[in-house]
Amino acid sequence: MPDNRISATLSQADQQAVLAAIKVIREKLPFLIDLTPEERSALPTMGDKRRGFVAQALAIAEQNEGILPRSFDVAEMDKDVALLASLRPILTALAQLCELVEDTYMAAGSEAYRSALLVYQFARAAGKGAALDSTLDALGQSFARKSRSAPADKKKP
């Protein structure tokens, strides 16, 4: 048997409790938005290096509202900066949790697939007459390669 890095179960009740907790998180963050890939690529990004720039610009805006056009909303900028500060620890915690769930999912899938390969290998070794022919044929379809023949309408010069 291959390495077994994950050996766990998740009860239906625990799964439902986790999903309910996620629902509560979403309810507590009703302002979350969903950007399209085009919208994401069009937005200027603010990484860690630009956080100080934004803080300094906010301070200038708050202390010098007279230099800004009347349409510029300093209070809205302040709200955005405060929201960033509030979301940062949540984003970090969720990113870490998401990475753990993805890694566990990947490891469990890998272990299940490696075990399935061993079962297939042992079943093939058991050979014909073990009432496995149709089952082995069905399993073997996972490994069938599709032919890469040229389309019929293309003729070679």
C-alpha atoms as a PDB file:
ATOM      1  CA  MET A   1       0.000   0.000   0.000  1.00  0.00           C
ATOM      2  CA  PRO A   2       1.347   3.464  -0.887  1.00  0.00           C
ATOM      3  CA  ASP A   3       2.066   6.170   1.688  1.00  0.00           C
ATOM      4  CA  ASN A   4      -1.008   7.075   3.657  1.00  0.00           C
ATOM      5  CA  ARG A   5      -0.607  10.740   4.589  1.00  0.00           C
ATOM      6  CA  ILE A   6      -4.288  11.299   5.256  1.00  0.00           C
ATOM      7  CA  SER A   7      -6.577   8.938   7.100  1.00  0.00           C
ATOM      8  CA  ALA A   8      -9.725  10.720   8.154  1.00  0.00           C
ATOM      9  CA  THR A   9     -13.449  10.794   7.791  1.00  0.00           C
ATOM     10  CA  LEU A  10     -15.835  13.718   7.710  1.00  0.00           C
ATOM     11  CA  SER A  11     -19.256  12.938   9.072  1.00  0.00           C
ATOM     12  CA  GLN A  12     -22.333  14.273   7.336  1.00  0.00           C
ATOM     13  CA  ALA A  13     -23.085  16.329  10.455  1.00  0.00           C
ATOM     14  CA  ASP A  14     -19.603  17.886  10.489  1.00  0.00           C
ATOM     15  CA  GLN A  15     -19.780  18.579   6.752  1.00  0.00           C
ATOM     16  CA  GLN A  16     -23.116  20.335   7.242  1.00  0.00           C
ATOM     17  CA  ALA A  17     -21.719  22.293  10.216  1.00  0.00           C
ATOM     18  CA  VAL A  18     -18.763  23.504   8.125  1.00  0.00           C
ATOM     19  CA  LEU A  19     -21.077  24.494   5.265  1.00  0.00           C
ATOM     20  CA  ALA A  20     -23.319  26.325   7.758  1.00  0.00           C
ATOM     21  CA  ALA A  21     -20.280  28.179   9.130  1.00  0.00           C
ATOM     22  CA  ILE A  22     -19.321  29.207   5.596  1.00  0.00           C
ATOM     23  CA  LYS A  23     -22.881  30.417   5.056  1.00  0.00           C
ATOM     24  CA  VAL A  24     -22.624  32.528   8.224  1.00  0.00           C
ATOM     25  CA  ILE A  25     -19.351  34.025   6.961  1.00  0.00           C
ATOM     26  CA  ARG A  26     -21.008  34.932   3.672  1.00  0.00           C
ATOM     27  CA  GLU A  27     -23.961  36.453   5.525  1.00  0.00           C
ATOM     28  CA  LYS A  28     -21.588  38.561   7.633  1.00  0.00           C
ATOM     29  CA  LEU A  29     -19.935  39.842   4.447  1.00  0.00           C
ATOM     30  CA  PRO A  30     -22.984  40.786   2.323  1.00  0.00           C
ATOM     31  CA  PHE A  31     -20.992  43.376   0.389  1.00  0.00           C
ATOM     32  CA  LEU A  32     -18.685  40.824  -1.281  1.00  0.00           C
ATOM     33  CA  ILE A  33     -18.611  41.151  -5.055  1.00  0.00           C
ATOM     34  CA  ASP A  34     -17.765  38.775  -7.890  1.00  0.00           C
ATOM     35  CA  LEU A  35     -15.509  40.237 -10.578  1.00  0.00           C
ATOM     36  CA  THR A  36     -15.305  38.892 -14.100  1.00  0.00           C
ATOM     37  CA  PRO A  37     -11.845  38.009 -15.425  1.00  0.00           C
ATOM     38  CA  GLU A  38     -12.001  41.128 -17.612  1.00  0.00           C
ATOM     39  CA  GLU A  39     -12.853  43.331 -14.624  1.00  0.00           C
ATOM     40  CA  ARG A  40     -10.003  41.798 -12.612  1.00  0.00           C
ATOM     41  CA  SER A  41      -7.436  42.463 -15.314  1.00  0.00           C
ATOM     42  CA  ALA A  42      -8.646  46.065 -15.797  1.00  0.00           C
ATOM     43  CA  LEU A  43      -8.274  47.009 -12.111  1.00  0.00           C
ATOM     44  CA  PRO A  44      -5.081  48.602 -10.832  1.00  0.00           C
ATOM     45  CA  THR A  45      -3.766  46.388  -8.052  1.00  0.00           C
ATOM     46  CA  MET A  46      -2.635  47.330  -4.578  1.00  0.00           C
ATOM     47  CA  GLY A  47      -0.063  45.010  -3.107  1.00  0.00           C
ATOM     48  CA  ASP A  48       1.828  45.260   0.150  1.00  0.00           C
ATOM     49  CA  LYS A  49       4.256  47.831  -1.265  1.00  0.00           C
ATOM     50  CA  ARG A  50       1.434  50.195  -2.213  1.00  0.00           C
ATOM     51  CA  ARG A  51      -0.312  50.079   1.177  1.00  0.00           C
ATOM     52  CA  GLY A  52       1.915  52.875   2.521  1.00  0.00           C
ATOM     53  CA  PHE A  53       1.261  54.969  -0.581  1.00  0.00           C
ATOM     54  CA  VAL A  54      -2.495  54.633  -0.061  1.00  0.00           C
ATOM     55  CA  ALA A  55      -2.217  55.537   3.643  1.00  0.00           C
ATOM     56  CA  GLN A  56      -0.147  58.624   2.843  1.00  0.00           C
ATOM     57  CA  ALA A  57      -2.526  59.685   0.069  1.00  0.00           C
ATOM     58  CA  LEU A  58      -5.469  59.337   2.470  1.00  0.00           C
ATOM     59  CA  ALA A  59      -3.687  61.505   5.051  1.00  0.00           C
ATOM     60  CA  ILE A  60      -3.034  64.166   2.401  1.00  0.00           C
ATOM     61  CA  ALA A  61      -6.653  64.024   1.254  1.00  0.00           C
ATOM     62  CA  GLU A  62      -7.996  64.328   4.816  1.00  0.00           C
ATOM     63  CA  GLN A  63      -5.701  67.268   5.659  1.00  0.00           C
ATOM     64  CA  ASN A  64      -6.044  69.073   2.329  1.00  0.00           C
ATOM     65  CA  GLU A  65      -9.584  68.596   1.062  1.00  0.00           C
ATOM     66  CA  GLY A  66      -9.368  71.996  -0.639  1.00  0.00           C
ATOM     67  CA  ILE A  67      -6.966  70.700  -3.288  1.00  0.00           C
ATOM     68  CA  LEU A  68      -9.360  67.977  -4.385  1.00  0.00           C
ATOM     69  CA  PRO A  69     -12.317  68.378  -6.732  1.00  0.00           C
ATOM     70  CA  ARG A  70     -15.726  68.589  -5.021  1.00  0.00           C
ATOM     71  CA  SER A  71     -16.678  65.251  -6.571  1.00  0.00           C
ATOM     72  CA  PHE A  72     -13.865  63.470  -4.694  1.00  0.00           C
ATOM     73  CA  ASP A  73     -15.305  61.702  -1.645  1.00  0.00           C
ATOM     74  CA  VAL A  74     -12.642  61.549   1.088  1.00  0.00           C
ATOM     75  CA  ALA A  75     -15.033  59.754   3.440  1.00  0.00           C
ATOM     76  CA  GLU A  76     -15.520  57.003   0.823  1.00  0.00           C
ATOM     77  CA  MET A  77     -11.755  56.632   0.398  1.00  0.00           C
ATOM     78  CA  ASP A  78     -11.429  56.375   4.185  1.00  0.00           C
ATOM     79  CA  LYS A  79     -14.136  53.681   4.202  1.00  0.00           C
ATOM     80  CA  ASP A  80     -12.292  51.714   1.498  1.00  0.00           C
ATOM     81  CA  VAL A  81      -8.993  51.895   3.409  1.00  0.00           C
ATOM     82  CA  ALA A  82     -10.732  50.813   6.636  1.00  0.00           C
ATOM     83  CA  LEU A  83     -12.418  47.905   4.814  1.00  0.00           C
ATOM     84  CA  LEU A  84      -9.037  46.796   3.481  1.00  0.00           C
ATOM     85  CA  ALA A  85      -7.635  46.767   6.999  1.00  0.00           C
ATOM     86  CA  SER A  86     -10.626  44.784   8.261  1.00  0.00           C
ATOM     87  CA  LEU A  87     -10.561  42.251   5.425  1.00  0.00           C
ATOM     88  CA  ARG A  88      -6.797  41.585   5.507  1.00  0.00           C
ATOM     89  CA  PRO A  89      -6.758  39.181   8.494  1.00  0.00           C
ATOM     90  CA  ILE A  90      -9.892  37.448   7.203  1.00  0.00           C
ATOM     91  CA  LEU A  91      -8.317  37.010   3.773  1.00  0.00           C
ATOM     92  CA  THR A  92      -5.136  35.620   5.318  1.00  0.00           C
ATOM     93  CA  ALA A  93      -7.036  33.147   7.519  1.00  0.00           C
ATOM     94  CA  LEU A  94      -9.262  32.007   4.655  1.00  0.00           C
ATOM     95  CA  ALA A  95      -6.308  31.649   2.278  1.00  0.00           C
ATOM     96  CA  GLN A  96      -4.511  29.440   4.797  1.00  0.00           C
ATOM     97  CA  LEU A  97      -7.650  27.375   5.363  1.00  0.00           C
ATOM     98  CA  CYS A  98      -8.267  27.087   1.619  1.00  0.00           C
ATOM     99  CA  GLU A  99      -4.694  25.899   1.052  1.00  0.00           C
ATOM    100  CA  LEU A 100      -5.066  23.260   3.780  1.00  0.00           C
ATOM    101  CA  VAL A 101      -8.372  22.030   2.334  1.00  0.00           C
ATOM    102  CA  GLU A 102      -6.927  21.953  -1.211  1.00  0.00           C
ATOM    103  CA  ASP A 103      -3.788  20.079  -0.069  1.00  0.00           C
ATOM    104  CA  THR A 104      -5.857  17.564   1.899  1.00  0.00           C
ATOM    105  CA  TYR A 105      -8.237  17.116  -1.041  1.00  0.00           C
ATOM    106  CA  MET A 106      -5.300  16.572  -3.381  1.00  0.00           C
ATOM    107  CA  ALA A 107      -3.592  14.085  -1.047  1.00  0.00           C
ATOM    108  CA  ALA A 108      -6.809  12.126  -0.455  1.00  0.00           C
ATOM    109  CA  GLY A 109      -7.487  12.031  -4.206  1.00  0.00           C
ATOM    110  CA  SER A 110      -3.952  10.898  -4.928  1.00  0.00           C
ATOM    111  CA  GLU A 111      -4.143   8.155  -2.323  1.00  0.00           C
ATOM    112  CA  ALA A 112      -7.513   6.972  -3.633  1.00  0.00           C
ATOM    113  CA  TYR A 113      -6.212   6.955  -7.219  1.00  0.00           C
ATOM    114  CA  ARG A 114      -2.999   5.097  -6.315  1.00  0.00           C
ATOM    115  CA  SER A 115      -5.065   2.523  -4.448  1.00  0.00           C
ATOM    116  CA  ALA A 116      -7.392   2.180  -7.434  1.00  0.00           C
ATOM    117  CA  LEU A 117      -4.388   1.586  -9.687  1.00  0.00           C
ATOM    118  CA  LEU A 118      -3.213  -1.189  -7.368  1.00  0.00           C
ATOM    119  CA  VAL A 119      -6.671  -2.774  -7.362  1.00  0.00           C
ATOM    120  CA  TYR A 120      -6.694  -2.668 -11.163  1.00  0.00           C
ATOM    121  CA  GLN A 121      -3.197  -4.142 -11.314  1.00  0.00           C
ATOM    122  CA  PHE A 122      -4.080  -6.999  -8.931  1.00  0.00           C
ATOM    123  CA  ALA A 123      -7.363  -7.677 -10.706  1.00  0.00           C
ATOM    124  CA  ARG A 124      -5.537  -7.885 -14.060  1.00  0.00           C
ATOM    125  CA  ALA A 125      -2.999 -10.246 -12.503  1.00  0.00           C
ATOM    126  CA  ALA A 126      -5.845 -12.458 -11.275  1.00  0.00           C
ATOM    127  CA  GLY A 127      -6.615 -12.881 -14.946  1.00  0.00           C
ATOM    128  CA  LYS A 128      -9.391 -14.334 -16.964  1.00  0.00           C
ATOM    129  CA  GLY A 129     -11.932 -16.629 -15.495  1.00  0.00           C
ATOM    130  CA  ALA A 130     -12.164 -14.736 -12.220  1.00  0.00           C
ATOM    131  CA  ALA A 131     -15.473 -13.205 -13.403  1.00  0.00           C
ATOM    132  CA  LEU A 132     -13.703  -9.876 -13.760  1.00  0.00           C
ATOM    133  CA  ASP A 133     -13.532  -9.569 -17.544  1.00  0.00           C
ATOM    134  CA  SER A 134     -16.274  -6.978 -18.053  1.00  0.00           C
ATOM    135  CA  THR A 135     -15.233  -5.034 -14.951  1.00  0.00           C
ATOM    136  CA  LEU A 136     -11.588  -4.976 -16.081  1.00  0.00           C
ATOM    137  CA  ASP A 137     -12.664  -3.847 -19.538  1.00  0.00           C
ATOM    138  CA  ALA A 138     -14.625  -0.973 -17.977  1.00  0.00           C
ATOM    139  CA  LEU A 139     -11.683   0.006 -15.768  1.00  0.00           C
ATOM    140  CA  GLY A 140      -9.312  -0.290 -18.711  1.00  0.00           C
ATOM    141  CA  GLN A 141     -11.304   2.320 -20.641  1.00  0.00           C
ATOM    142  CA  SER A 142      -9.727   4.936 -18.349  1.00  0.00           C
ATOM    143  CA  PHE A 143      -6.399   4.202 -20.006  1.00  0.00           C
ATOM    144  CA  ALA A 144      -7.614   3.927 -23.605  1.00  0.00           C
ATOM    145  CA  ARG A 145      -5.872   6.450 -25.812  1.00  0.00           C
ATOM    146  CA  LYS A 146      -7.700   8.334 -28.475  1.00  0.00           C
ATOM    147  CA  SER A 147      -6.164   8.079 -31.898  1.00  0.00           C
ATOM    148  CA  ARG A 148      -4.612  11.216 -33.331  1.00  0.00           C
ATOM    149  CA  SER A 149      -5.245  10.421 -36.975  1.00  0.00           C
ATOM    150  CA  ALA A 150      -5.541  13.298 -39.428  1.00  0.00           C
ATOM    151  CA  PRO A 151      -9.063  14.364 -40.373  1.00  0.00           C
ATOM    152  CA  ALA A 152     -10.399  12.583 -43.472  1.00  0.00           C
ATOM    153  CA  ASP A 153     -10.961  15.790 -45.422  1.00  0.00           C
ATOM    154  CA  LYS A 154      -7.296  16.809 -45.263  1.00  0.00           C
ATOM    155  CA  LYS A 155      -5.241  15.274 -48.039  1.00  0.00           C
ATOM    156  CA  LYS A 156      -1.487  15.007 -48.009  1.00  0.00           C
ATOM    157  CA  PRO A 157       0.248  16.982 -50.777  1.00  0.00           C
END
